[in-house]
């Protein structure tokens, strides 16, 4: 059956963003919290958490691109470019949103860790 579209995106994918983003950010909070509580405060921990956030950001963007490509009414003109460069640019969003979401969730906790 044909999918109804808004801005050439299937409408049902707009509703999927809620559970996608909720899952991403809840899991990122657990991982960031684990990294911050497992190591004592130091420059090394800051660098480790920053690298961890970079890795999680690209991985999350890439995995979403891969899973969304399985949806039958969604396609890419250049799949390889979407998987590599597109995921890298999309990952930039998560570089900022993962720490910000963590601060919203753990504001008191995050102040004690710095």
C-alpha atoms as a PDB file:
ATOM      1  CA  UNK A   1       0.000   0.000   0.000  1.00  0.00           C
ATOM      2  CA  UNK A   2       1.272   3.521  -0.682  1.00  0.00           C
ATOM      3  CA  UNK A   3       2.418   5.564   2.289  1.00  0.00           C
ATOM      4  CA  UNK A   4       1.124   9.047   2.934  1.00  0.00           C
ATOM      5  CA  UNK A   5       3.986  11.533   3.015  1.00  0.00           C
ATOM      6  CA  UNK A   6       4.766  14.937   4.462  1.00  0.00           C
ATOM      7  CA  UNK A   7       7.857  16.634   2.983  1.00  0.00           C
ATOM      8  CA  UNK A   8       8.434  13.347   1.170  1.00  0.00           C
ATOM      9  CA  UNK A   9       8.809  11.501   4.516  1.00  0.00           C
ATOM     10  CA  UNK A  10       6.286   8.795   5.442  1.00  0.00           C
ATOM     11  CA  UNK A  11       3.987  10.178   8.136  1.00  0.00           C
ATOM     12  CA  UNK A  12       4.334   7.104  10.342  1.00  0.00           C
ATOM     13  CA  UNK A  13       8.060   7.861  10.708  1.00  0.00           C
ATOM     14  CA  UNK A  14       7.242  11.146  12.443  1.00  0.00           C
ATOM     15  CA  UNK A  15       5.544   9.135  15.211  1.00  0.00           C
ATOM     16  CA  UNK A  16       8.503   6.753  15.418  1.00  0.00           C
ATOM     17  CA  UNK A  17      10.840   9.604  16.383  1.00  0.00           C
ATOM     18  CA  UNK A  18       9.411   9.703  19.901  1.00  0.00           C
ATOM     19  CA  UNK A  19      10.362   6.162  20.851  1.00  0.00           C
ATOM     20  CA  UNK A  20      13.631   6.331  18.915  1.00  0.00           C
ATOM     21  CA  UNK A  21      14.847   9.467  20.682  1.00  0.00           C
ATOM     22  CA  UNK A  22      13.559   8.433  24.094  1.00  0.00           C
ATOM     23  CA  UNK A  23      15.447   5.157  23.830  1.00  0.00           C
ATOM     24  CA  UNK A  24      18.661   6.801  22.590  1.00  0.00           C
ATOM     25  CA  UNK A  25      18.788   9.366  25.357  1.00  0.00           C
ATOM     26  CA  UNK A  26      17.763   7.034  28.179  1.00  0.00           C
ATOM     27  CA  UNK A  27      20.501   4.594  27.190  1.00  0.00           C
ATOM     28  CA  UNK A  28      23.056   7.385  26.792  1.00  0.00           C
ATOM     29  CA  UNK A  29      22.271   8.578  30.333  1.00  0.00           C
ATOM     30  CA  UNK A  30      23.001   5.129  31.721  1.00  0.00           C
ATOM     31  CA  UNK A  31      26.311   4.913  29.846  1.00  0.00           C
ATOM     32  CA  UNK A  32      27.453   8.437  30.727  1.00  0.00           C
ATOM     33  CA  UNK A  33      26.483   7.942  34.378  1.00  0.00           C
ATOM     34  CA  UNK A  34      28.431   4.675  34.452  1.00  0.00           C
ATOM     35  CA  UNK A  35      31.519   6.346  32.974  1.00  0.00           C
ATOM     36  CA  UNK A  36      31.336   9.246  35.420  1.00  0.00           C
ATOM     37  CA  UNK A  37      30.881   7.068  38.492  1.00  0.00           C
ATOM     38  CA  UNK A  38      33.414   4.383  37.552  1.00  0.00           C
ATOM     39  CA  UNK A  39      36.436   6.696  37.413  1.00  0.00           C
ATOM     40  CA  UNK A  40      37.635   9.386  39.769  1.00  0.00           C
ATOM     41  CA  UNK A  41      37.465  12.967  38.544  1.00  0.00           C
ATOM     42  CA  UNK A  42      40.442  13.749  36.315  1.00  0.00           C
ATOM     43  CA  UNK A  43      41.367  15.074  32.885  1.00  0.00           C
ATOM     44  CA  UNK A  44      41.517  11.477  31.679  1.00  0.00           C
ATOM     45  CA  UNK A  45      37.906  10.909  32.675  1.00  0.00           C
ATOM     46  CA  UNK A  46      36.831  14.058  30.848  1.00  0.00           C
ATOM     47  CA  UNK A  47      38.630  12.925  27.695  1.00  0.00           C
ATOM     48  CA  UNK A  48      37.208   9.418  28.036  1.00  0.00           C
ATOM     49  CA  UNK A  49      33.627  10.679  28.439  1.00  0.00           C
ATOM     50  CA  UNK A  50      34.061  13.063  25.498  1.00  0.00           C
ATOM     51  CA  UNK A  51      35.358  10.244  23.273  1.00  0.00           C
ATOM     52  CA  UNK A  52      32.567   7.992  24.523  1.00  0.00           C
ATOM     53  CA  UNK A  53      29.969  10.611  23.572  1.00  0.00           C
ATOM     54  CA  UNK A  54      31.538  10.977  20.109  1.00  0.00           C
ATOM     55  CA  UNK A  55      31.451   7.210  19.602  1.00  0.00           C
ATOM     56  CA  UNK A  56      27.874   6.894  20.884  1.00  0.00           C
ATOM     57  CA  UNK A  57      26.765   9.803  18.671  1.00  0.00           C
ATOM     58  CA  UNK A  58      28.105   8.340  15.444  1.00  0.00           C
ATOM     59  CA  UNK A  59      26.973   4.820  16.330  1.00  0.00           C
ATOM     60  CA  UNK A  60      23.456   6.000  17.172  1.00  0.00           C
ATOM     61  CA  UNK A  61      23.169   7.986  13.938  1.00  0.00           C
ATOM     62  CA  UNK A  62      24.532   5.112  11.854  1.00  0.00           C
ATOM     63  CA  UNK A  63      22.268   2.526  13.492  1.00  0.00           C
ATOM     64  CA  UNK A  64      19.213   4.713  12.963  1.00  0.00           C
ATOM     65  CA  UNK A  65      20.144   5.168   9.310  1.00  0.00           C
ATOM     66  CA  UNK A  66      20.535   1.402   8.906  1.00  0.00           C
ATOM     67  CA  UNK A  67      17.263   0.550  10.653  1.00  0.00           C
ATOM     68  CA  UNK A  68      15.252   3.230   8.887  1.00  0.00           C
ATOM     69  CA  UNK A  69      16.527   2.032   5.507  1.00  0.00           C
ATOM     70  CA  UNK A  70      14.682  -1.234   6.154  1.00  0.00           C
ATOM     71  CA  UNK A  71      11.351   0.603   6.103  1.00  0.00           C
ATOM     72  CA  UNK A  72       9.776  -0.213   2.723  1.00  0.00           C
ATOM     73  CA  UNK A  73       8.540   3.314   1.968  1.00  0.00           C
ATOM     74  CA  UNK A  74      11.803   5.109   2.722  1.00  0.00           C
ATOM     75  CA  UNK A  75      14.777   5.257   0.384  1.00  0.00           C
ATOM     76  CA  UNK A  76      18.105   7.006  -0.157  1.00  0.00           C
ATOM     77  CA  UNK A  77      19.478   8.276  -3.469  1.00  0.00           C
ATOM     78  CA  UNK A  78      22.995   7.289  -2.420  1.00  0.00           C
ATOM     79  CA  UNK A  79      22.960   4.654   0.331  1.00  0.00           C
ATOM     80  CA  UNK A  80      26.735   4.694   0.943  1.00  0.00           C
ATOM     81  CA  UNK A  81      26.810   8.474   1.331  1.00  0.00           C
ATOM     82  CA  UNK A  82      23.830   8.366   3.713  1.00  0.00           C
ATOM     83  CA  UNK A  83      25.492   5.670   5.832  1.00  0.00           C
ATOM     84  CA  UNK A  84      28.873   7.389   6.138  1.00  0.00           C
ATOM     85  CA  UNK A  85      28.721  11.159   5.690  1.00  0.00           C
ATOM     86  CA  UNK A  86      25.028  11.524   6.493  1.00  0.00           C
ATOM     87  CA  UNK A  87      25.440   9.611   9.730  1.00  0.00           C
ATOM     88  CA  UNK A  88      28.443  11.733  10.690  1.00  0.00           C
ATOM     89  CA  UNK A  89      26.502  14.964  10.219  1.00  0.00           C
ATOM     90  CA  UNK A  90      23.428  13.556  11.950  1.00  0.00           C
ATOM     91  CA  UNK A  91      25.678  12.420  14.803  1.00  0.00           C
ATOM     92  CA  UNK A  92      26.585  16.062  15.477  1.00  0.00           C
ATOM     93  CA  UNK A  93      23.105  16.480  16.932  1.00  0.00           C
ATOM     94  CA  UNK A  94      23.766  13.731  19.483  1.00  0.00           C
ATOM     95  CA  UNK A  95      27.152  15.191  20.451  1.00  0.00           C
ATOM     96  CA  UNK A  96      25.215  18.059  21.998  1.00  0.00           C
ATOM     97  CA  UNK A  97      21.951  16.358  22.971  1.00  0.00           C
ATOM     98  CA  UNK A  98      23.407  13.436  24.956  1.00  0.00           C
ATOM     99  CA  UNK A  99      25.248  15.643  27.507  1.00  0.00           C
ATOM    100  CA  UNK A 100      22.376  18.140  27.647  1.00  0.00           C
ATOM    101  CA  UNK A 101      19.824  15.399  28.305  1.00  0.00           C
ATOM    102  CA  UNK A 102      22.124  13.977  30.977  1.00  0.00           C
ATOM    103  CA  UNK A 103      22.302  17.392  32.665  1.00  0.00           C
ATOM    104  CA  UNK A 104      18.515  17.709  32.633  1.00  0.00           C
ATOM    105  CA  UNK A 105      18.103  14.252  34.115  1.00  0.00           C
ATOM    106  CA  UNK A 106      20.924  14.402  36.643  1.00  0.00           C
ATOM    107  CA  UNK A 107      21.479  18.086  37.385  1.00  0.00           C
ATOM    108  CA  UNK A 108      22.276  17.659  41.086  1.00  0.00           C
ATOM    109  CA  UNK A 109      24.261  14.493  40.429  1.00  0.00           C
ATOM    110  CA  UNK A 110      26.325  16.016  37.597  1.00  0.00           C
ATOM    111  CA  UNK A 111      27.365  19.003  39.752  1.00  0.00           C
ATOM    112  CA  UNK A 112      28.853  16.680  42.375  1.00  0.00           C
ATOM    113  CA  UNK A 113      30.924  14.866  39.734  1.00  0.00           C
ATOM    114  CA  UNK A 114      32.768  17.904  38.396  1.00  0.00           C
END
